PDB file of all heavy atoms in Angstrom:
ATOM      1  N   GLY A   1       0.796  -1.221   0.005  1.00  0.00           N
ATOM      2  CA  GLY A   1      -0.003   0.000   0.007  1.00  0.00           C
ATOM      3  C   GLY A   1       0.834   1.256  -0.003  1.00  0.00           C
ATOM      4  O   GLY A   1       1.992   1.308  -0.420  1.00  0.00           O
ATOM      5  N   ARG A   2       0.256   2.305   0.512  1.00  0.00           N
ATOM      6  CA  ARG A   2       0.732   3.684   0.416  1.00  0.00           C
ATOM      7  C   ARG A   2       1.637   4.031   1.595  1.00  0.00           C
ATOM      8  O   ARG A   2       1.356   3.676   2.743  1.00  0.00           O
ATOM      9  CB  ARG A   2      -0.481   4.601   0.395  1.00  0.00           C
ATOM     10  CG  ARG A   2      -0.194   6.068   0.103  1.00  0.00           C
ATOM     11  CD  ARG A   2      -1.510   6.863   0.183  1.00  0.00           C
ATOM     12  NE  ARG A   2      -2.481   6.314  -0.739  1.00  0.00           N
ATOM     13  CZ  ARG A   2      -2.622   6.670  -1.997  1.00  0.00           C
ATOM     14  NH1 ARG A   2      -1.819   7.583  -2.530  1.00  0.00           N
ATOM     15  NH2 ARG A   2      -3.543   6.132  -2.767  1.00  0.00           N
ATOM     16  N   GLY A   3       2.743   4.748   1.293  1.00  0.00           N
ATOM     17  CA  GLY A   3       3.609   5.231   2.343  1.00  0.00           C
ATOM     18  C   GLY A   3       3.093   6.465   3.016  1.00  0.00           C
ATOM     19  O   GLY A   3       2.010   6.975   2.683  1.00  0.00           O
ATOM     20  N   HIS A   4       3.877   7.001   3.996  1.00  0.00           N
ATOM     21  CA  HIS A   4       3.437   8.177   4.718  1.00  0.00           C
ATOM     22  C   HIS A   4       4.672   8.935   5.173  1.00  0.00           C
ATOM     23  O   HIS A   4       5.790   8.401   5.243  1.00  0.00           O
ATOM     24  CB  HIS A   4       2.599   7.795   5.933  1.00  0.00           C
ATOM     25  CG  HIS A   4       3.323   6.867   6.888  1.00  0.00           C
ATOM     26  ND1 HIS A   4       4.193   7.325   7.836  1.00  0.00           N
ATOM     27  CD2 HIS A   4       3.299   5.519   7.008  1.00  0.00           C
ATOM     28  CE1 HIS A   4       4.686   6.290   8.527  1.00  0.00           C
ATOM     29  NE2 HIS A   4       4.166   5.193   8.051  1.00  0.00           N
ATOM     30  N   PRO A   5       4.524  10.228   5.493  1.00  0.00           N
ATOM     31  CA  PRO A   5       5.641  11.007   5.986  1.00  0.00           C
ATOM     32  C   PRO A   5       6.117  10.487   7.333  1.00  0.00           C
ATOM     33  O   PRO A   5       5.365   9.773   8.038  1.00  0.00           O
ATOM     34  CB  PRO A   5       5.075  12.414   6.118  1.00  0.00           C
ATOM     35  CG  PRO A   5       3.785  12.417   5.381  1.00  0.00           C
ATOM     36  CD  PRO A   5       3.292  11.023   5.410  1.00  0.00           C
ATOM     37  N   PRO A   6       7.359  10.816   7.733  1.00  0.00           N
ATOM     38  CA  PRO A   6       7.816  10.366   9.054  1.00  0.00           C
ATOM     39  C   PRO A   6       7.044  11.017  10.191  1.00  0.00           C
ATOM     40  O   PRO A   6       6.609  12.168  10.068  1.00  0.00           O
ATOM     41  CB  PRO A   6       9.287  10.803   9.057  1.00  0.00           C
ATOM     42  CG  PRO A   6       9.345  11.923   8.092  1.00  0.00           C
ATOM     43  CD  PRO A   6       8.344  11.626   7.025  1.00  0.00           C
ATOM     44  N   GLU A   7       6.915  10.298  11.265  1.00  0.00           N
ATOM     45  CA  GLU A   7       6.340  10.854  12.485  1.00  0.00           C
ATOM     46  C   GLU A   7       7.304  11.841  13.093  1.00  0.00           C
ATOM     47  O   GLU A   7       8.530  11.736  12.874  1.00  0.00           O
ATOM     48  CB  GLU A   7       5.982   9.752  13.476  1.00  0.00           C
ATOM     49  CG  GLU A   7       4.992   8.734  12.948  1.00  0.00           C
ATOM     50  CD  GLU A   7       3.625   9.306  12.606  1.00  0.00           C
ATOM     51  OE1 GLU A   7       3.261  10.337  13.274  1.00  0.00           O
ATOM     52  OE2 GLU A   7       2.946   8.773  11.732  1.00  0.00           O
ATOM     53  N   PRO A   8       6.833  12.787  13.900  1.00  0.00           N
ATOM     54  CA  PRO A   8       7.738  13.787  14.479  1.00  0.00           C
ATOM     55  C   PRO A   8       8.896  13.189  15.266  1.00  0.00           C
ATOM     56  O   PRO A   8       9.989  13.723  15.277  1.00  0.00           O
ATOM     57  CB  PRO A   8       6.826  14.615  15.385  1.00  0.00           C
ATOM     58  CG  PRO A   8       5.457  14.447  14.780  1.00  0.00           C
ATOM     59  CD  PRO A   8       5.415  13.062  14.227  1.00  0.00           C
ATOM     60  N   ASP A   9       8.678  12.041  15.903  1.00  0.00           N
ATOM     61  CA  ASP A   9       9.739  11.396  16.713  1.00  0.00           C
ATOM     62  C   ASP A   9      10.359  10.211  15.998  1.00  0.00           C
ATOM     63  O   ASP A   9      11.068   9.422  16.614  1.00  0.00           O
ATOM     64  CB  ASP A   9       9.183  10.966  18.056  1.00  0.00           C
ATOM     65  CG  ASP A   9       7.996  10.003  17.929  1.00  0.00           C
ATOM     66  OD1 ASP A   9       7.495   9.844  16.789  1.00  0.00           O
ATOM     67  OD2 ASP A   9       7.579   9.446  18.946  1.00  0.00           O
ATOM     68  N   GLY A  10      10.136  10.072  14.690  1.00  0.00           N
ATOM     69  CA  GLY A  10      10.646   8.920  13.962  1.00  0.00           C
ATOM     70  C   GLY A  10      12.170   9.013  13.760  1.00  0.00           C
ATOM     71  O   GLY A  10      12.720  10.096  13.581  1.00  0.00           O
ATOM     72  N   SER A  11      12.849   7.843  13.788  1.00  0.00           N
ATOM     73  CA  SER A  11      14.285   7.817  13.612  1.00  0.00           C
ATOM     74  C   SER A  11      14.704   7.867  12.138  1.00  0.00           C
ATOM     75  O   SER A  11      15.829   8.206  11.814  1.00  0.00           O
ATOM     76  CB  SER A  11      14.890   6.585  14.277  1.00  0.00           C
ATOM     77  OG  SER A  11      14.341   5.396  13.709  1.00  0.00           O
ATOM     78  N   ASN A  12      13.786   7.474  11.267  1.00  0.00           N
ATOM     79  CA  ASN A  12      14.054   7.574   9.815  1.00  0.00           C
ATOM     80  C   ASN A  12      12.721   7.726   9.100  1.00  0.00           C
ATOM     81  O   ASN A  12      11.653   7.513   9.664  1.00  0.00           O
ATOM     82  CB  ASN A  12      14.850   6.375   9.296  1.00  0.00           C
ATOM     83  CG  ASN A  12      14.195   5.076   9.650  1.00  0.00           C
ATOM     84  OD1 ASN A  12      13.094   4.786   9.230  1.00  0.00           O
ATOM     85  ND2 ASN A  12      14.907   4.250  10.458  1.00  0.00           N
ATOM     86  N   ALA A  13      12.814   8.085   7.813  1.00  0.00           N
ATOM     87  CA  ALA A  13      11.593   8.371   7.042  1.00  0.00           C
ATOM     88  C   ALA A  13      10.929   7.084   6.549  1.00  0.00           C
ATOM     89  O   ALA A  13       9.696   7.086   6.334  1.00  0.00           O
ATOM     90  CB  ALA A  13      11.926   9.262   5.859  1.00  0.00           C
ATOM     91  N   VAL A  14      11.617   6.002   6.336  1.00  0.00           N
ATOM     92  CA  VAL A  14      11.162   4.712   5.907  1.00  0.00           C
ATOM     93  C   VAL A  14      10.322   4.766   4.628  1.00  0.00           C
ATOM     94  O   VAL A  14      10.845   4.494   3.559  1.00  0.00           O
ATOM     95  CB  VAL A  14      10.388   3.960   7.035  1.00  0.00           C
ATOM     96  CG1 VAL A  14      10.006   2.563   6.571  1.00  0.00           C
ATOM     97  CG2 VAL A  14      11.243   3.849   8.271  1.00  0.00           C
ATOM     98  N   SER A  15       9.043   5.099   4.717  1.00  0.00           N
ATOM     99  CA  SER A  15       8.185   5.009   3.526  1.00  0.00           C
ATOM    100  C   SER A  15       8.038   6.332   2.796  1.00  0.00           C
ATOM    101  O   SER A  15       7.157   6.483   1.969  1.00  0.00           O
ATOM    102  CB  SER A  15       6.820   4.457   3.918  1.00  0.00           C
ATOM    103  OG  SER A  15       6.137   5.321   4.807  1.00  0.00           O
ATOM    104  N   MET A  16       8.915   7.283   3.095  1.00  0.00           N
ATOM    105  CA  MET A  16       9.016   8.518   2.341  1.00  0.00           C
ATOM    106  C   MET A  16      10.472   8.787   2.042  1.00  0.00           C
ATOM    107  O   MET A  16      11.319   8.688   2.923  1.00  0.00           O
ATOM    108  CB  MET A  16       8.447   9.721   3.095  1.00  0.00           C
ATOM    109  CG  MET A  16       8.392  11.002   2.269  1.00  0.00           C
ATOM    110  SD  MET A  16       8.035  12.474   3.245  1.00  0.00           S
ATOM    111  CE  MET A  16       9.677  12.834   3.874  1.00  0.00           C
ATOM    112  N   LEU A  17      10.798   9.074   0.796  1.00  0.00           N
ATOM    113  CA  LEU A  17      12.176   9.399   0.445  1.00  0.00           C
ATOM    114  C   LEU A  17      12.240  10.808  -0.097  1.00  0.00           C
ATOM    115  O   LEU A  17      11.207  11.423  -0.381  1.00  0.00           O
ATOM    116  CB  LEU A  17      12.763   8.394  -0.532  1.00  0.00           C
ATOM    117  CG  LEU A  17      12.044   8.177  -1.861  1.00  0.00           C
ATOM    118  CD1 LEU A  17      12.437   9.214  -2.899  1.00  0.00           C
ATOM    119  CD2 LEU A  17      12.322   6.775  -2.393  1.00  0.00           C
ATOM    120  N   VAL A  18      13.441  11.325  -0.217  1.00  0.00           N
ATOM    121  CA  VAL A  18      13.638  12.690  -0.688  1.00  0.00           C
ATOM    122  C   VAL A  18      14.510  12.657  -1.919  1.00  0.00           C
ATOM    123  O   VAL A  18      15.664  12.211  -1.882  1.00  0.00           O
ATOM    124  CB  VAL A  18      14.280  13.587   0.395  1.00  0.00           C
ATOM    125  CG1 VAL A  18      14.522  14.993  -0.149  1.00  0.00           C
ATOM    126  CG2 VAL A  18      13.404  13.649   1.625  1.00  0.00           C
ATOM    127  N   ARG A  19      13.969  13.139  -3.046  1.00  0.00           N
ATOM    128  CA  ARG A  19      14.737  13.283  -4.273  1.00  0.00           C
ATOM    129  C   ARG A  19      15.550  14.579  -4.205  1.00  0.00           C
ATOM    130  O   ARG A  19      15.100  15.581  -3.649  1.00  0.00           O
ATOM    131  CB  ARG A  19      13.793  13.349  -5.489  1.00  0.00           C
ATOM    132  CG  ARG A  19      12.912  12.141  -5.659  1.00  0.00           C
ATOM    133  CD  ARG A  19      13.675  10.978  -6.239  1.00  0.00           C
ATOM    134  NE  ARG A  19      12.789   9.898  -6.642  1.00  0.00           N
ATOM    135  CZ  ARG A  19      13.155   8.630  -6.663  1.00  0.00           C
ATOM    136  NH1 ARG A  19      14.386   8.274  -6.324  1.00  0.00           N
ATOM    137  NH2 ARG A  19      12.312   7.706  -7.076  1.00  0.00           N
ATOM    138  N   LEU A  20      16.729  14.528  -4.818  1.00  0.00           N
ATOM    139  CA  LEU A  20      17.635  15.670  -4.832  1.00  0.00           C
ATOM    140  C   LEU A  20      18.051  16.002  -6.262  1.00  0.00           C
ATOM    141  O   LEU A  20      18.146  15.082  -7.076  1.00  0.00           O
ATOM    142  CB  LEU A  20      18.911  15.373  -4.023  1.00  0.00           C
ATOM    143  CG  LEU A  20      18.748  14.908  -2.582  1.00  0.00           C
ATOM    144  CD1 LEU A  20      20.118  14.505  -2.045  1.00  0.00           C
ATOM    145  CD2 LEU A  20      18.144  16.000  -1.709  1.00  0.00           C
ATOM    146  N   SER A  21      18.314  17.237  -6.525  1.00  0.00           N
ATOM    147  CA  SER A  21      18.901  17.645  -7.808  1.00  0.00           C
ATOM    148  C   SER A  21      19.301  19.106  -7.701  1.00  0.00           C
ATOM    149  O   SER A  21      18.976  19.769  -6.712  1.00  0.00           O
ATOM    150  CB  SER A  21      17.937  17.442  -8.972  1.00  0.00           C
ATOM    151  OG  SER A  21      16.776  18.263  -8.824  1.00  0.00           O
ATOM    152  N   ILE A  22      20.045  19.572  -8.702  1.00  0.00           N
ATOM    153  CA  ILE A  22      20.352  20.991  -8.796  1.00  0.00           C
ATOM    154  C   ILE A  22      19.821  21.466 -10.154  1.00  0.00           C
ATOM    155  O   ILE A  22      19.514  20.646 -11.013  1.00  0.00           O
ATOM    156  CB  ILE A  22      21.863  21.261  -8.657  1.00  0.00           C
ATOM    157  CG1 ILE A  22      22.675  20.562  -9.763  1.00  0.00           C
ATOM    158  CG2 ILE A  22      22.353  20.847  -7.271  1.00  0.00           C
ATOM    159  CD1 ILE A  22      24.155  20.911  -9.754  1.00  0.00           C
ATOM    160  N   PRO A  23      19.680  22.777 -10.323  1.00  0.00           N
ATOM    161  CA  PRO A  23      19.119  23.265 -11.590  1.00  0.00           C
ATOM    162  C   PRO A  23      19.888  22.754 -12.823  1.00  0.00           C
ATOM    163  O   PRO A  23      21.095  22.545 -12.770  1.00  0.00           O
ATOM    164  CB  PRO A  23      19.219  24.789 -11.453  1.00  0.00           C
ATOM    165  CG  PRO A  23      19.186  25.017  -9.977  1.00  0.00           C
ATOM    166  CD  PRO A  23      19.927  23.872  -9.397  1.00  0.00           C
ATOM    167  N   ASP A  24      19.170  22.592 -13.897  1.00  0.00           N
ATOM    168  CA  ASP A  24      19.745  22.068 -15.142  1.00  0.00           C
ATOM    169  C   ASP A  24      20.858  22.995 -15.627  1.00  0.00           C
ATOM    170  O   ASP A  24      20.727  24.225 -15.613  1.00  0.00           O
ATOM    171  CB  ASP A  24      18.693  21.950 -16.231  1.00  0.00           C
ATOM    172  CG  ASP A  24      17.609  20.933 -15.876  1.00  0.00           C
ATOM    173  OD1 ASP A  24      17.776  20.247 -14.843  1.00  0.00           O
ATOM    174  OD2 ASP A  24      16.608  20.836 -16.621  1.00  0.00           O
ATOM    175  N   GLN A  25      21.940  22.369 -16.088  1.00  0.00           N
ATOM    176  CA  GLN A  25      23.047  23.111 -16.696  1.00  0.00           C
ATOM    177  C   GLN A  25      23.392  22.453 -18.023  1.00  0.00           C
ATOM    178  O   GLN A  25      23.382  21.217 -18.124  1.00  0.00           O
ATOM    179  CB  GLN A  25      24.289  23.071 -15.765  1.00  0.00           C
ATOM    180  CG  GLN A  25      24.066  23.724 -14.403  1.00  0.00           C
ATOM    181  CD  GLN A  25      23.914  25.213 -14.482  1.00  0.00           C
ATOM    182  OE1 GLN A  25      24.349  25.831 -15.458  1.00  0.00           O
ATOM    183  NE2 GLN A  25      23.295  25.806 -13.454  1.00  0.00           N
ATOM    184  N   PRO A  26      23.694  23.217 -19.051  1.00  0.00           N
ATOM    185  CA  PRO A  26      23.951  22.633 -20.387  1.00  0.00           C
ATOM    186  C   PRO A  26      25.032  21.586 -20.394  1.00  0.00           C
ATOM    187  O   PRO A  26      24.981  20.598 -21.119  1.00  0.00           O
ATOM    188  CB  PRO A  26      24.357  23.861 -21.224  1.00  0.00           C
ATOM    189  CG  PRO A  26      23.750  25.020 -20.543  1.00  0.00           C
ATOM    190  CD  PRO A  26      23.767  24.687 -19.079  1.00  0.00           C
ATOM    191  N   TYR A  27      26.111  21.761 -19.570  1.00  0.00           N
ATOM    192  CA  TYR A  27      27.220  20.818 -19.592  1.00  0.00           C
ATOM    193  C   TYR A  27      26.875  19.492 -18.889  1.00  0.00           C
ATOM    194  O   TYR A  27      27.692  18.604 -18.848  1.00  0.00           O
ATOM    195  CB  TYR A  27      28.474  21.443 -19.002  1.00  0.00           C
ATOM    196  CG  TYR A  27      28.291  22.195 -17.709  1.00  0.00           C
ATOM    197  CD1 TYR A  27      28.257  21.545 -16.483  1.00  0.00           C
ATOM    198  CD2 TYR A  27      28.143  23.575 -17.734  1.00  0.00           C
ATOM    199  CE1 TYR A  27      28.080  22.230 -15.307  1.00  0.00           C
ATOM    200  CE2 TYR A  27      27.972  24.292 -16.555  1.00  0.00           C
ATOM    201  CZ  TYR A  27      27.967  23.614 -15.329  1.00  0.00           C
ATOM    202  OH  TYR A  27      27.773  24.326 -14.207  1.00  0.00           O
ATOM    203  N   TYR A  28      25.678  19.376 -18.322  1.00  0.00           N
ATOM    204  CA  TYR A  28      25.214  18.111 -17.756  1.00  0.00           C
ATOM    205  C   TYR A  28      24.200  17.456 -18.679  1.00  0.00           C
ATOM    206  O   TYR A  28      23.321  16.682 -18.244  1.00  0.00           O
ATOM    207  CB  TYR A  28      24.581  18.335 -16.377  1.00  0.00           C
ATOM    208  CG  TYR A  28      25.555  18.561 -15.278  1.00  0.00           C
ATOM    209  CD1 TYR A  28      25.607  19.795 -14.625  1.00  0.00           C
ATOM    210  CD2 TYR A  28      26.416  17.544 -14.843  1.00  0.00           C
ATOM    211  CE1 TYR A  28      26.520  20.018 -13.569  1.00  0.00           C
ATOM    212  CE2 TYR A  28      27.306  17.755 -13.808  1.00  0.00           C
ATOM    213  CZ  TYR A  28      27.348  19.015 -13.174  1.00  0.00           C
ATOM    214  OH  TYR A  28      28.245  19.223 -12.161  1.00  0.00           O
ATOM    215  N   ALA A  29      24.263  17.721 -19.974  1.00  0.00           N
ATOM    216  CA  ALA A  29      23.243  17.289 -20.925  1.00  0.00           C
ATOM    217  C   ALA A  29      23.067  15.743 -20.843  1.00  0.00           C
ATOM    218  O   ALA A  29      21.950  15.246 -20.946  1.00  0.00           O
ATOM    219  CB  ALA A  29      23.593  17.699 -22.337  1.00  0.00           C
ATOM    220  N   ARG A  30      24.170  14.997 -20.722  1.00  0.00           N
ATOM    221  CA  ARG A  30      24.066  13.541 -20.695  1.00  0.00           C
ATOM    222  C   ARG A  30      23.309  13.054 -19.465  1.00  0.00           C
ATOM    223  O   ARG A  30      22.474  12.155 -19.548  1.00  0.00           O
ATOM    224  CB  ARG A  30      25.463  12.906 -20.746  1.00  0.00           C
ATOM    225  CG  ARG A  30      25.485  11.365 -20.797  1.00  0.00           C
ATOM    226  CD  ARG A  30      24.720  10.829 -21.972  1.00  0.00           C
ATOM    227  NE  ARG A  30      24.808   9.365 -22.027  1.00  0.00           N
ATOM    228  CZ  ARG A  30      23.962   8.620 -22.720  1.00  0.00           C
ATOM    229  NH1 ARG A  30      23.005   9.164 -23.429  1.00  0.00           N
ATOM    230  NH2 ARG A  30      24.104   7.296 -22.712  1.00  0.00           N
ATOM    231  N   GLU A  31      23.609  13.651 -18.287  1.00  0.00           N
ATOM    232  CA  GLU A  31      22.892  13.273 -17.069  1.00  0.00           C
ATOM    233  C   GLU A  31      21.417  13.581 -17.203  1.00  0.00           C
ATOM    234  O   GLU A  31      20.556  12.803 -16.785  1.00  0.00           O
ATOM    235  CB  GLU A  31      23.512  13.979 -15.861  1.00  0.00           C
ATOM    236  CG  GLU A  31      24.791  13.394 -15.345  1.00  0.00           C
ATOM    237  CD  GLU A  31      26.009  13.840 -16.154  1.00  0.00           C
ATOM    238  OE1 GLU A  31      25.819  14.546 -17.173  1.00  0.00           O
ATOM    239  OE2 GLU A  31      27.129  13.514 -15.756  1.00  0.00           O
ATOM    240  N   ILE A  32      21.114  14.762 -17.779  1.00  0.00           N
ATOM    241  CA  ILE A  32      19.717  15.132 -17.913  1.00  0.00           C
ATOM    242  C   ILE A  32      18.982  14.157 -18.836  1.00  0.00           C
ATOM    243  O   ILE A  32      17.839  13.765 -18.579  1.00  0.00           O
ATOM    244  CB  ILE A  32      19.600  16.574 -18.445  1.00  0.00           C
ATOM    245  CG1 ILE A  32      20.203  17.559 -17.433  1.00  0.00           C
ATOM    246  CG2 ILE A  32      18.148  16.923 -18.733  1.00  0.00           C
ATOM    247  CD1 ILE A  32      20.344  18.963 -17.978  1.00  0.00           C
ATOM    248  N   GLU A  33      19.639  13.711 -19.893  1.00  0.00           N
ATOM    249  CA  GLU A  33      19.029  12.770 -20.814  1.00  0.00           C
ATOM    250  C   GLU A  33      18.747  11.447 -20.137  1.00  0.00           C
ATOM    251  O   GLU A  33      17.651  10.863 -20.297  1.00  0.00           O
ATOM    252  CB  GLU A  33      19.928  12.550 -22.044  1.00  0.00           C
ATOM    253  CG  GLU A  33      19.334  11.577 -23.045  1.00  0.00           C
ATOM    254  CD  GLU A  33      20.284  11.273 -24.199  1.00  0.00           C
ATOM    255  OE1 GLU A  33      21.520  11.241 -23.953  1.00  0.00           O
ATOM    256  OE2 GLU A  33      19.811  11.036 -25.293  1.00  0.00           O
ATOM    257  N   ARG A  34      19.698  10.930 -19.348  1.00  0.00           N
ATOM    258  CA  ARG A  34      19.551   9.593 -18.758  1.00  0.00           C
ATOM    259  C   ARG A  34      18.765   9.612 -17.463  1.00  0.00           C
ATOM    260  O   ARG A  34      17.996   8.722 -17.185  1.00  0.00           O
ATOM    261  CB  ARG A  34      20.927   8.977 -18.509  1.00  0.00           C
ATOM    262  CG  ARG A  34      21.720   8.596 -19.723  1.00  0.00           C
ATOM    263  CD  ARG A  34      22.998   7.852 -19.337  1.00  0.00           C
ATOM    264  NE  ARG A  34      23.847   8.624 -18.422  1.00  0.00           N
ATOM    265  CZ  ARG A  34      23.948   8.399 -17.124  1.00  0.00           C
ATOM    266  NH1 ARG A  34      23.285   7.434 -16.561  1.00  0.00           N
ATOM    267  NH2 ARG A  34      24.741   9.157 -16.389  1.00  0.00           N
ATOM    268  N   LEU A  35      18.991  10.625 -16.630  1.00  0.00           N
ATOM    269  CA  LEU A  35      18.407  10.663 -15.292  1.00  0.00           C
ATOM    270  C   LEU A  35      17.225  11.618 -15.185  1.00  0.00           C
ATOM    271  O   LEU A  35      16.453  11.528 -14.228  1.00  0.00           O
ATOM    272  CB  LEU A  35      19.468  11.071 -14.269  1.00  0.00           C
ATOM    273  CG  LEU A  35      20.737  10.217 -14.197  1.00  0.00           C
ATOM    274  CD1 LEU A  35      21.749  10.831 -13.217  1.00  0.00           C
ATOM    275  CD2 LEU A  35      20.373   8.794 -13.763  1.00  0.00           C
TER     276      LEU A  35
END
């Protein structure tokens, strides 16, 4: 089923993850194409 955000006292997020990235740059064209 469906995940949920971590509880205020939770030790980890478990069923919620955090995606990361930085703004697109032309010299990262290959990464942008694949990822």
